[in-house]
Amino acid sequence: MIQGRAYNMMLGHTSAEVLSTLTSSPKAFQQRVCIKDASGKQVVFLWSLSKQETGPLQDCWMTDSVHRDD
């Protein structure tokens, strides 16, 4: 996925800035993040994460999805 054209600018990016937190709870949150690549192009992504409740990754935050927000 990360090597696809829509997302490959994340590799080797020069900066990332959290623009806003859309939802936040003890178990999940979403944030809009602006990523700037080496050529100066900026793209906004929506990150969705959740805190794992069971298993070997219990209490770890895991990425559920990343979508371009443009």
C-alpha atoms as a PDB file:
ATOM      1  CA  MET A   1       0.000   0.000   0.000  1.00  0.00           C
ATOM      2  CA  ILE A   2       2.652   2.523   1.024  1.00  0.00           C
ATOM      3  CA  GLN A   3       4.462   2.080  -2.294  1.00  0.00           C
ATOM      4  CA  GLY A   4       1.333   2.890  -4.321  1.00  0.00           C
ATOM      5  CA  ARG A   5       1.105   6.257  -6.037  1.00  0.00           C
ATOM      6  CA  ALA A   6      -1.494   7.646  -3.614  1.00  0.00           C
ATOM      7  CA  TYR A   7       0.627   6.987  -0.523  1.00  0.00           C
ATOM      8  CA  ASN A   8       4.299   6.709  -1.573  1.00  0.00           C
ATOM      9  CA  MET A   9       4.984  10.345  -0.677  1.00  0.00           C
ATOM     10  CA  MET A  10       4.931   9.226   2.976  1.00  0.00           C
ATOM     11  CA  LEU A  11       8.247   7.470   2.380  1.00  0.00           C
ATOM     12  CA  GLY A  12      11.058   9.945   2.945  1.00  0.00           C
ATOM     13  CA  HIS A  13       8.705  12.830   3.772  1.00  0.00           C
ATOM     14  CA  THR A  14      10.311  15.972   5.176  1.00  0.00           C
ATOM     15  CA  SER A  15       7.640  16.971   7.700  1.00  0.00           C
ATOM     16  CA  ALA A  16       4.311  16.017   9.224  1.00  0.00           C
ATOM     17  CA  GLU A  17       1.898  18.276  11.093  1.00  0.00           C
ATOM     18  CA  VAL A  18      -1.232  17.268  13.004  1.00  0.00           C
ATOM     19  CA  LEU A  19      -3.959  19.604  11.761  1.00  0.00           C
ATOM     20  CA  SER A  20      -6.826  18.440  13.942  1.00  0.00           C
ATOM     21  CA  THR A  21      -8.135  15.650  16.122  1.00  0.00           C
ATOM     22  CA  LEU A  22     -11.566  14.661  14.833  1.00  0.00           C
ATOM     23  CA  THR A  23     -12.603  12.066  17.383  1.00  0.00           C
ATOM     24  CA  SER A  24     -10.972  11.028  20.593  1.00  0.00           C
ATOM     25  CA  SER A  25     -11.927   8.444  23.171  1.00  0.00           C
ATOM     26  CA  PRO A  26     -10.042   6.079  25.485  1.00  0.00           C
ATOM     27  CA  LYS A  27     -10.215   3.392  22.775  1.00  0.00           C
ATOM     28  CA  ALA A  28     -10.036   5.216  19.419  1.00  0.00           C
ATOM     29  CA  PHE A  29      -9.107   8.447  17.697  1.00  0.00           C
ATOM     30  CA  GLN A  30      -8.822  10.088  14.293  1.00  0.00           C
ATOM     31  CA  GLN A  31      -6.444  12.824  13.243  1.00  0.00           C
ATOM     32  CA  ARG A  32      -5.903  14.841  10.078  1.00  0.00           C
ATOM     33  CA  VAL A  33      -2.190  15.042   9.317  1.00  0.00           C
ATOM     34  CA  CYS A  34      -0.486  17.139   6.619  1.00  0.00           C
ATOM     35  CA  ILE A  35       2.593  15.462   5.164  1.00  0.00           C
ATOM     36  CA  LYS A  36       5.149  17.347   3.065  1.00  0.00           C
ATOM     37  CA  ASP A  37       7.352  15.381   0.665  1.00  0.00           C
ATOM     38  CA  ALA A  38      10.891  16.147  -0.484  1.00  0.00           C
ATOM     39  CA  SER A  39       9.621  18.181  -3.466  1.00  0.00           C
ATOM     40  CA  GLY A  40       7.466  20.388  -1.215  1.00  0.00           C
ATOM     41  CA  LYS A  41       4.117  18.823  -2.167  1.00  0.00           C
ATOM     42  CA  GLN A  42       1.667  18.672   0.745  1.00  0.00           C
ATOM     43  CA  VAL A  43      -1.075  16.073   1.166  1.00  0.00           C
ATOM     44  CA  VAL A  44      -3.542  15.671   4.041  1.00  0.00           C
ATOM     45  CA  PHE A  45      -4.272  12.181   5.361  1.00  0.00           C
ATOM     46  CA  LEU A  46      -6.920  10.989   7.809  1.00  0.00           C
ATOM     47  CA  TRP A  47      -5.488   8.479  10.303  1.00  0.00           C
ATOM     48  CA  SER A  48      -7.790   6.203  12.337  1.00  0.00           C
ATOM     49  CA  LEU A  49      -6.328   4.312  15.301  1.00  0.00           C
ATOM     50  CA  SER A  50      -7.720   2.055  17.995  1.00  0.00           C
ATOM     51  CA  LYS A  51      -6.361   0.729  21.271  1.00  0.00           C
ATOM     52  CA  GLN A  52      -6.234  -3.064  21.290  1.00  0.00           C
ATOM     53  CA  GLU A  53      -8.259  -4.627  24.077  1.00  0.00           C
ATOM     54  CA  THR A  54      -7.020  -8.235  24.023  1.00  0.00           C
ATOM     55  CA  GLY A  55      -4.213 -10.462  22.813  1.00  0.00           C
ATOM     56  CA  PRO A  56      -0.470  -9.916  22.582  1.00  0.00           C
ATOM     57  CA  LEU A  57      -0.935  -6.278  21.535  1.00  0.00           C
ATOM     58  CA  GLN A  58      -3.311  -5.411  24.370  1.00  0.00           C
ATOM     59  CA  ASP A  59      -3.105  -1.693  25.277  1.00  0.00           C
ATOM     60  CA  CYS A  60      -1.140  -0.896  22.090  1.00  0.00           C
ATOM     61  CA  TRP A  61      -2.410   1.691  19.608  1.00  0.00           C
ATOM     62  CA  MET A  62      -2.765   0.256  16.102  1.00  0.00           C
ATOM     63  CA  THR A  63      -3.532   1.969  12.802  1.00  0.00           C
ATOM     64  CA  ASP A  64      -6.908   0.858  11.435  1.00  0.00           C
ATOM     65  CA  SER A  65      -6.872   2.972   8.282  1.00  0.00           C
ATOM     66  CA  VAL A  66      -5.167   5.838   6.475  1.00  0.00           C
ATOM     67  CA  HIS A  67      -7.036   7.764   3.774  1.00  0.00           C
ATOM     68  CA  ARG A  68      -6.059  10.739   1.663  1.00  0.00           C
ATOM     69  CA  ASP A  69      -8.232  13.672   2.658  1.00  0.00           C
ATOM     70  CA  ASP A  70      -8.125  15.758  -0.510  1.00  0.00           C
END
